[in-house]
Protein backbone atom coordinates (compact mmCIF):
# COMPACT_ATOMS: atom_id res chain seq x y z
CA ARG A 1 -0.30 -0.04 -0.15
CA GLN A 2 2.79 2.16 0.62
CA ARG A 3 4.36 1.67 -2.50
CA GLN A 4 1.20 2.47 -4.36
CA MET A 5 1.34 6.01 -2.49
CA CYS A 6 4.27 6.75 -3.52
CA ILE A 7 3.89 6.29 -7.29
CA ARG A 8 0.43 7.81 -7.17
CA ASP A 9 1.89 10.75 -5.04
CA SER A 10 5.22 10.84 -7.24
CA PRO A 11 4.01 13.12 -9.76
CA ASN A 12 2.82 15.78 -7.30
CA ILE A 13 6.50 16.03 -5.97
CA MET A 14 7.98 16.84 -9.12
CA GLN A 15 5.15 19.16 -9.67
CA ALA A 16 6.73 21.17 -6.69
CA TYR A 17 9.85 21.59 -8.86
CA ILE A 18 8.61 22.93 -11.73
CA PRO A 19 8.84 26.52 -10.82
CA ALA A 20 12.59 25.89 -10.19
CA LEU A 21 13.02 24.00 -13.51
CA ASP A 22 11.42 26.56 -15.50
CA PHE A 23 13.95 29.40 -13.62
CA LEU A 24 17.15 27.38 -13.92
CA GLY A 25 16.41 26.18 -17.51
CA ALA A 26 15.80 29.45 -18.89
CA SER A 27 18.26 31.37 -17.25
CA GLY A 28 20.71 28.47 -18.18
CA SER A 29 19.59 29.15 -21.74
CA VAL A 30 20.18 33.08 -21.39
CA ILE A 31 23.64 32.36 -20.06
CA ALA A 32 24.78 30.03 -22.88
CA THR A 33 23.45 32.60 -25.49
CA LEU A 34 24.73 35.55 -24.03
CA LEU A 35 28.06 33.34 -23.91
CA PHE A 36 27.76 32.47 -27.43
CA VAL A 37 27.55 36.24 -28.47
CA ARG A 38 30.55 36.70 -27.10
CA ALA A 39 31.77 33.37 -29.07
CA SER A 40 32.50 31.84 -25.69
CA ILE A 41 33.57 27.70 -25.53
CA TRP A 42 31.99 28.15 -22.26
CA GLY A 43 28.21 28.62 -23.81
CA TRP A 44 28.05 24.90 -25.05
CA PRO A 45 28.87 22.90 -21.27
CA ILE A 46 26.04 25.81 -19.84
CA SER A 47 23.34 24.87 -22.73
CA MET A 48 23.72 21.18 -21.84
CA ILE A 49 22.92 21.75 -18.06
CA ALA A 50 20.16 24.12 -19.34
CA ILE A 51 18.76 21.26 -21.97
CA LEU A 52 18.94 18.78 -19.28
CA PHE A 53 16.67 20.94 -16.99
CA ASN A 54 14.09 21.63 -20.14
CA ILE A 55 13.76 17.95 -21.25
CA VAL A 56 12.70 17.39 -17.21
CA LEU A 57 10.59 20.55 -17.11
CA TYR A 58 9.08 19.66 -21.02
CA TRP A 59 8.00 16.13 -19.58
CA GLN A 60 6.39 17.02 -16.69
CA LYS A 61 4.36 20.06 -18.35
CA GLY A 62 3.17 17.89 -20.89
CA ILE A 63 5.57 19.54 -23.79
CA TYR A 64 6.16 16.07 -25.53
CA GLY A 65 7.53 17.65 -29.17
CA ASP A 66 10.40 20.40 -27.29
CA THR A 67 11.13 17.05 -25.00
CA VAL A 68 12.37 15.54 -28.32
CA LEU A 69 13.16 18.81 -29.54
CA GLU A 70 15.50 19.64 -26.80
CA VAL A 71 16.97 16.05 -26.69
CA MET A 72 18.06 16.78 -30.69
CA PHE A 73 19.67 20.19 -29.27
CA LEU A 74 21.78 18.44 -26.49
CA ILE A 75 23.50 16.18 -29.33
CA SER A 76 23.91 19.19 -31.55
CA CYS A 77 25.44 20.97 -28.15
CA ALA A 78 27.86 18.05 -27.92
CA TYR A 79 29.24 18.40 -31.55
CA GLY A 80 29.24 22.41 -31.27
CA TRP A 81 31.27 22.19 -28.17
CA TYR A 82 33.75 19.20 -29.93
CA THR A 83 33.96 21.05 -33.33
CA TRP A 84 34.90 24.28 -31.10
CA LEU A 85 37.96 22.26 -29.14
CA TYR A 86 39.25 20.29 -32.28
CA GLY A 87 38.04 21.90 -35.52
CA ASN A 88 40.29 23.93 -37.69
CA ALA A 89 39.83 26.89 -37.07
CA SER A 90 40.64 27.94 -40.57
CA ARG A 91 37.31 26.54 -42.10
CA THR A 92 34.69 29.00 -42.24
CA MET A 93 31.35 29.01 -43.82
CA PRO A 94 29.99 32.48 -45.74
CA ILE A 95 26.97 33.86 -44.26
CA THR A 96 24.13 33.19 -47.32
CA SER A 97 20.44 33.53 -48.49
CA ILE A 98 18.07 30.77 -48.81
CA THR A 99 17.37 29.66 -52.47
CA LYS A 100 13.85 29.31 -53.25
CA GLU A 101 14.14 25.50 -53.98
CA HIS A 102 15.32 24.68 -50.26
CA ALA A 103 12.34 27.51 -49.35
CA LEU A 104 9.97 25.57 -50.98
CA THR A 105 11.25 22.33 -49.82
CA LEU A 106 11.04 23.28 -46.36
CA PHE A 107 7.72 24.49 -46.60
CA GLY A 108 6.43 20.71 -48.58
CA ILE A 109 7.97 19.27 -45.21
CA ALA A 110 6.41 21.54 -42.60
CA VAL A 111 2.72 21.05 -44.09
CA VAL A 112 3.43 16.97 -44.22
CA THR A 113 5.12 16.95 -40.80
CA ILE A 114 3.02 18.94 -38.85
CA PRO A 115 -0.12 17.35 -38.89
CA LEU A 116 1.85 14.22 -38.42
CA THR A 117 3.65 15.26 -35.52
CA ALA A 118 0.48 16.93 -33.95
CA GLY A 119 -1.49 13.76 -34.49
CA LEU A 120 1.35 11.64 -32.41
CA LEU A 121 1.14 13.94 -30.04
CA THR A 122 -3.27 13.73 -29.26
CA GLN A 123 -2.84 10.01 -30.22
CA GLN A 124 0.41 8.83 -28.25
CA PHE A 125 1.09 11.41 -25.29
CA HIS A 126 -2.24 12.89 -24.86
CA SER A 127 -1.19 16.39 -25.68
CA ASP A 128 -2.88 19.07 -24.39
CA VAL A 129 -1.70 21.67 -27.10
CA PRO A 130 -0.55 19.13 -30.11
CA TRP A 131 -0.71 21.89 -32.99
CA LEU A 132 1.06 24.36 -31.14
CA ASP A 133 3.66 21.80 -29.63
CA ALA A 134 4.32 20.16 -33.46
CA ILE A 135 4.35 23.99 -35.14
CA THR A 136 7.23 25.31 -32.40
CA THR A 137 9.13 22.04 -32.66
CA ILE A 138 9.19 21.31 -36.89
CA LEU A 139 9.93 24.91 -37.01
CA ALA A 140 12.54 24.90 -35.15
CA LEU A 141 14.41 22.16 -36.62
CA GLN A 142 14.04 24.03 -39.80
CA ALA A 143 15.63 26.84 -38.38
CA GLN A 144 18.10 25.30 -36.60
CA TRP A 145 19.28 23.62 -40.14
CA LEU A 146 19.05 27.63 -41.33
CA THR A 147 21.22 28.15 -38.41
CA CYS A 148 23.84 25.78 -38.96
CA ARG A 149 23.85 26.17 -43.01
CA LYS A 150 24.32 30.50 -42.02
CA ILE A 151 21.40 31.11 -43.45
CA ILE A 152 20.47 34.68 -42.87
CA GLU A 153 16.54 33.81 -43.12
CA THR A 154 16.99 31.77 -40.46
CA TRP A 155 16.81 34.95 -37.88
CA VAL A 156 13.08 35.81 -39.30
CA MET A 157 12.21 32.05 -39.04
CA TRP A 158 13.16 32.45 -35.05
CA PHE A 159 11.38 35.60 -34.53
CA PHE A 160 8.26 33.62 -35.14
CA ILE A 161 8.95 30.54 -33.55
CA ASP A 162 10.12 32.97 -30.89
CA ALA A 163 6.69 34.48 -30.50
CA LEU A 164 4.99 31.17 -30.57
CA TYR A 165 7.25 29.53 -27.90
CA ILE A 166 6.18 32.75 -25.83
CA TRP A 167 2.54 31.83 -26.15
CA LEU A 168 2.87 28.17 -25.34
CA TYR A 169 4.90 28.73 -22.62
CA THR A 170 2.27 31.24 -21.17
CA VAL A 171 -0.62 28.40 -21.68
CA LYS A 172 1.62 26.15 -20.19
CA GLY A 173 2.60 28.45 -16.75
CA LEU A 174 6.15 28.88 -17.32
CA PRO A 175 6.93 32.09 -16.66
CA PHE A 176 10.77 32.03 -17.20
CA HIS A 177 10.20 30.40 -20.13
CA SER A 178 8.08 32.99 -21.93
CA TRP A 179 10.51 35.70 -20.88
CA GLN A 180 13.55 33.85 -22.11
CA TYR A 181 11.63 33.70 -25.59
CA ALA A 182 10.93 37.44 -24.89
CA PHE A 183 14.39 38.13 -24.77
CA TYR A 184 15.47 35.64 -27.78
CA LEU A 185 12.70 37.53 -29.81
CA ILE A 186 15.13 41.05 -29.40
CA VAL A 187 18.19 38.48 -30.13
CA ALA A 188 16.72 37.66 -33.58
CA THR A 189 15.93 41.30 -34.09
CA ALA A 190 19.46 42.08 -33.33
CA GLY A 191 20.48 39.19 -35.64
CA TRP A 192 18.29 40.03 -38.69
CA LEU A 193 19.79 43.77 -38.56
CA ARG A 194 23.07 43.24 -37.70
């Protein structure tokens, strides 16, 4: 009987940690972003720690698409940290603009994968925000790809995605993450203008 009580009450115990996870994940992500702006290698490990807080937080809040997205970001951070430590500094990638073909391809992928992801989130995870979670997840993956390729339109996509994240995290009761993405709106605007 005690075992059953512990299992039944464990979600309530975890709920008590939601505000701390919200604060730690959001503040760690902002600190990492500021370190990246300064081209500091310490942005990578701090980002990875923030991502771990966010994975637990998003799972607890039922934002399952973002949970998967954070796992993918964790992998990309490990890769980025490695390349900054051991990569060849003489290799550079120019900033370019997206081609019409790539834009149409990304649009087509989004049109197909957003409804599929929303359906999966509804049927398998019983998400209460399946469409908003699906849209932000798929578009963030696309924007991350544009960022990795140094395609200038990434800033426009991130601006739109950041605005949606403010809404999502407000709906899910995560004020620190909402403020984090409000800050990211400013960063996306500055990045575009720069």
